[in-house]
Protein backbone atom coordinates (compact mmCIF):
# COMPACT_ATOMS: atom_id res chain seq x y z
CA MET A 1 -0.37 0.08 0.18
CA VAL A 2 2.64 1.94 0.60
CA ILE A 3 4.74 1.30 -2.14
CA PHE A 4 2.09 2.40 -4.42
CA GLY A 5 1.32 5.82 -2.30
CA LEU A 6 4.93 6.62 -2.96
CA ALA A 7 5.08 5.74 -5.98
CA ALA A 8 2.14 8.40 -7.19
CA VAL A 9 3.71 11.34 -6.20
CA PRO A 10 7.07 11.58 -8.05
CA ILE A 11 4.84 10.96 -11.22
CA TRP A 12 2.43 13.44 -9.69
CA MET A 13 5.29 16.64 -9.02
CA LEU A 14 7.35 15.96 -11.96
CA ASP A 15 3.25 16.46 -13.74
CA GLU A 16 3.05 18.92 -11.60
CA ALA A 17 6.31 20.70 -13.30
CA ILE A 18 4.42 20.12 -16.47
CA HIS A 19 1.78 22.54 -15.60
CA PHE A 20 4.54 25.19 -14.83
CA ALA A 21 5.91 24.83 -18.34
CA ALA A 22 2.71 25.66 -19.66
CA LEU A 23 2.49 28.66 -17.55
CA LEU A 24 6.08 29.89 -18.06
CA LEU A 25 5.55 29.91 -22.01
CA LEU A 26 2.74 32.55 -21.54
CA SER A 27 4.85 34.55 -18.68
CA GLY A 28 5.67 36.62 -21.63
CA ALA A 29 9.92 36.70 -21.23
CA ASP A 30 12.30 37.98 -23.83
CA TYR A 31 13.79 34.79 -24.70
CA LEU A 32 9.81 33.26 -26.21
CA LYS A 33 9.80 36.17 -28.50
CA VAL A 34 11.24 33.91 -30.77
CA PHE A 35 7.98 31.94 -31.10
CA THR A 36 4.95 33.17 -32.66
CA VAL A 37 2.08 33.36 -31.16
CA ASN A 38 -0.20 30.51 -32.33
CA GLN A 39 3.46 28.74 -31.91
CA LEU A 40 2.96 29.47 -27.96
CA GLN A 41 -0.35 28.64 -27.91
CA ALA A 42 -0.11 25.12 -29.52
CA LEU A 43 2.82 24.21 -27.16
CA VAL A 44 1.01 25.61 -24.49
CA LEU A 45 -1.88 23.11 -25.17
CA LEU A 46 1.15 20.68 -26.10
CA PHE A 47 1.83 21.03 -22.14
CA LEU A 48 -1.43 21.39 -20.72
CA ASN A 49 -2.42 17.56 -22.73
CA LEU A 50 0.90 16.25 -21.57
CA HIS A 51 -0.29 17.36 -17.94
CA GLU A 52 -3.83 15.36 -18.46
CA SER A 53 -1.54 12.04 -19.45
CA GLY A 54 0.85 12.71 -16.38
CA LEU A 55 -2.40 12.97 -14.16
CA ASN A 56 -3.80 9.55 -15.78
CA ILE A 57 -0.36 8.17 -14.93
CA ALA A 58 -0.60 9.35 -11.29
CA GLN A 59 -4.15 7.96 -11.25
CA ILE A 60 -3.18 4.15 -11.52
CA PHE A 61 -1.39 4.17 -8.34
CA TRP A 62 -3.94 6.94 -6.61
CA GLY A 63 -5.97 3.86 -7.33
CA LEU A 64 -3.84 1.05 -6.93
CA TRP A 65 -3.23 1.60 -2.94
CA LEU A 66 -6.76 1.53 -2.34
CA PHE A 67 -7.50 -1.60 -2.81
CA PRO A 68 -4.88 -2.87 0.04
CA MET A 69 -6.19 -0.39 2.09
CA GLY A 70 -9.37 -1.68 1.42
CA TYR A 71 -8.60 -4.99 2.55
CA LEU A 72 -7.05 -3.84 5.76
CA VAL A 73 -10.35 -2.09 6.49
CA PHE A 74 -12.19 -5.11 5.74
CA LYS A 75 -10.69 -7.61 7.78
CA SER A 76 -10.26 -5.14 10.66
CA ARG A 77 -13.17 -5.48 12.07
CA PHE A 78 -12.78 -1.44 13.32
CA LEU A 79 -14.52 -0.09 11.09
CA PRO A 80 -17.95 -1.34 9.01
CA ARG A 81 -17.15 -3.79 5.92
CA ILE A 82 -19.13 -1.77 4.07
CA LEU A 83 -16.38 0.38 3.86
CA GLY A 84 -13.20 -1.66 2.51
CA ILE A 85 -15.34 -2.93 0.43
CA LEU A 86 -16.08 0.69 -1.11
CA LEU A 87 -12.35 1.39 -0.95
CA MET A 88 -11.88 -1.74 -3.00
CA ILE A 89 -14.18 -0.24 -5.52
CA GLY A 90 -12.23 2.82 -5.72
CA CYS A 91 -9.35 0.84 -6.57
CA PHE A 92 -10.90 -0.59 -9.88
CA GLY A 93 -12.86 2.88 -10.61
CA TYR A 94 -9.27 4.70 -11.12
CA VAL A 95 -7.34 2.12 -12.54
CA ILE A 96 -10.17 1.98 -15.55
CA GLN A 97 -10.58 5.19 -15.52
CA SER A 98 -6.81 5.80 -16.44
CA PHE A 99 -6.62 3.19 -18.82
CA ALA A 100 -9.82 4.05 -20.46
CA ALA A 101 -8.37 7.55 -20.40
CA PHE A 102 -5.49 6.14 -22.91
CA LEU A 103 -7.64 3.32 -25.19
CA PHE A 104 -10.23 5.94 -25.57
CA PRO A 105 -8.71 9.80 -25.51
CA ASN A 106 -12.08 11.06 -26.74
CA PHE A 107 -14.27 9.19 -23.70
CA LYS A 108 -14.47 11.53 -20.87
CA VAL A 109 -16.97 10.20 -18.12
CA ASN A 110 -15.49 10.54 -14.59
CA ILE A 111 -15.64 6.87 -13.03
CA ALA A 112 -14.11 7.35 -10.09
CA LEU A 113 -16.98 9.62 -9.25
CA PHE A 114 -19.46 7.14 -8.87
CA THR A 115 -16.80 4.11 -7.58
CA GLY A 116 -14.86 7.17 -4.97
CA TRP A 117 -17.15 7.13 -2.38
CA GLY A 118 -15.48 4.34 0.32
CA GLU A 119 -12.91 7.33 -0.17
CA LEU A 120 -15.46 10.08 1.20
CA LEU A 121 -16.73 7.77 3.59
CA LEU A 122 -13.80 6.56 5.71
CA PRO A 123 -12.63 9.74 6.85
CA LEU A 124 -16.14 10.69 7.92
CA TRP A 125 -16.97 7.84 10.03
CA LEU A 126 -13.66 8.38 11.20
CA LEU A 127 -14.32 11.44 12.34
CA ILE A 128 -17.81 11.21 13.41
CA GLN A 129 -18.52 7.84 14.75
CA GLY A 130 -14.30 6.73 14.97
CA VAL A 131 -13.87 3.06 15.32
CA ASN A 132 -15.00 -0.01 17.09
CA VAL A 133 -13.23 -0.02 20.19
CA GLU A 134 -14.38 -3.11 21.88
CA GLN A 135 -12.68 -4.83 18.45
CA TRP A 136 -9.33 -3.15 19.21
CA GLU A 137 -9.49 -3.54 22.70
CA LYS A 138 -10.60 -7.10 22.14
CA ARG A 139 -7.80 -7.89 18.97
CA ALA A 140 -4.32 -5.90 21.09
CA PHE A 141 -4.95 -8.75 24.22
CA GLU A 142 -5.10 -11.78 21.97
CA SER A 143 -1.67 -10.38 20.27
CA ALA A 144 -0.09 -9.68 23.47
């Protein structure tokens, strides 16, 4: 789970550098005067499209870490099992959406909006309800 989470960070950071490259092209610096306005606009569009592709690559890893997280939540019994199931479903939503973006570039449906409910409900559950303290203590005494 940690490896998938950590793998997404450098991909995302490099992708954000590409985003800044698009902004630099629009900065109006003197060294950019060798390009025509149409060339600069084409380069900006290229970098913005490249940014979108990088985001799709990072999204694969954002999704993959959800499966082990969901499995741990499901097996722990400290939290409702449905949260673990929803997190695992979210994993598949992110991965499918990422690969669909590469296979069908004109298909613009955000699958993660429908499958990512576990990511929203888990922190809400922890803020409002918390963990099952009885199960937590029972597991702590079993392992000791």
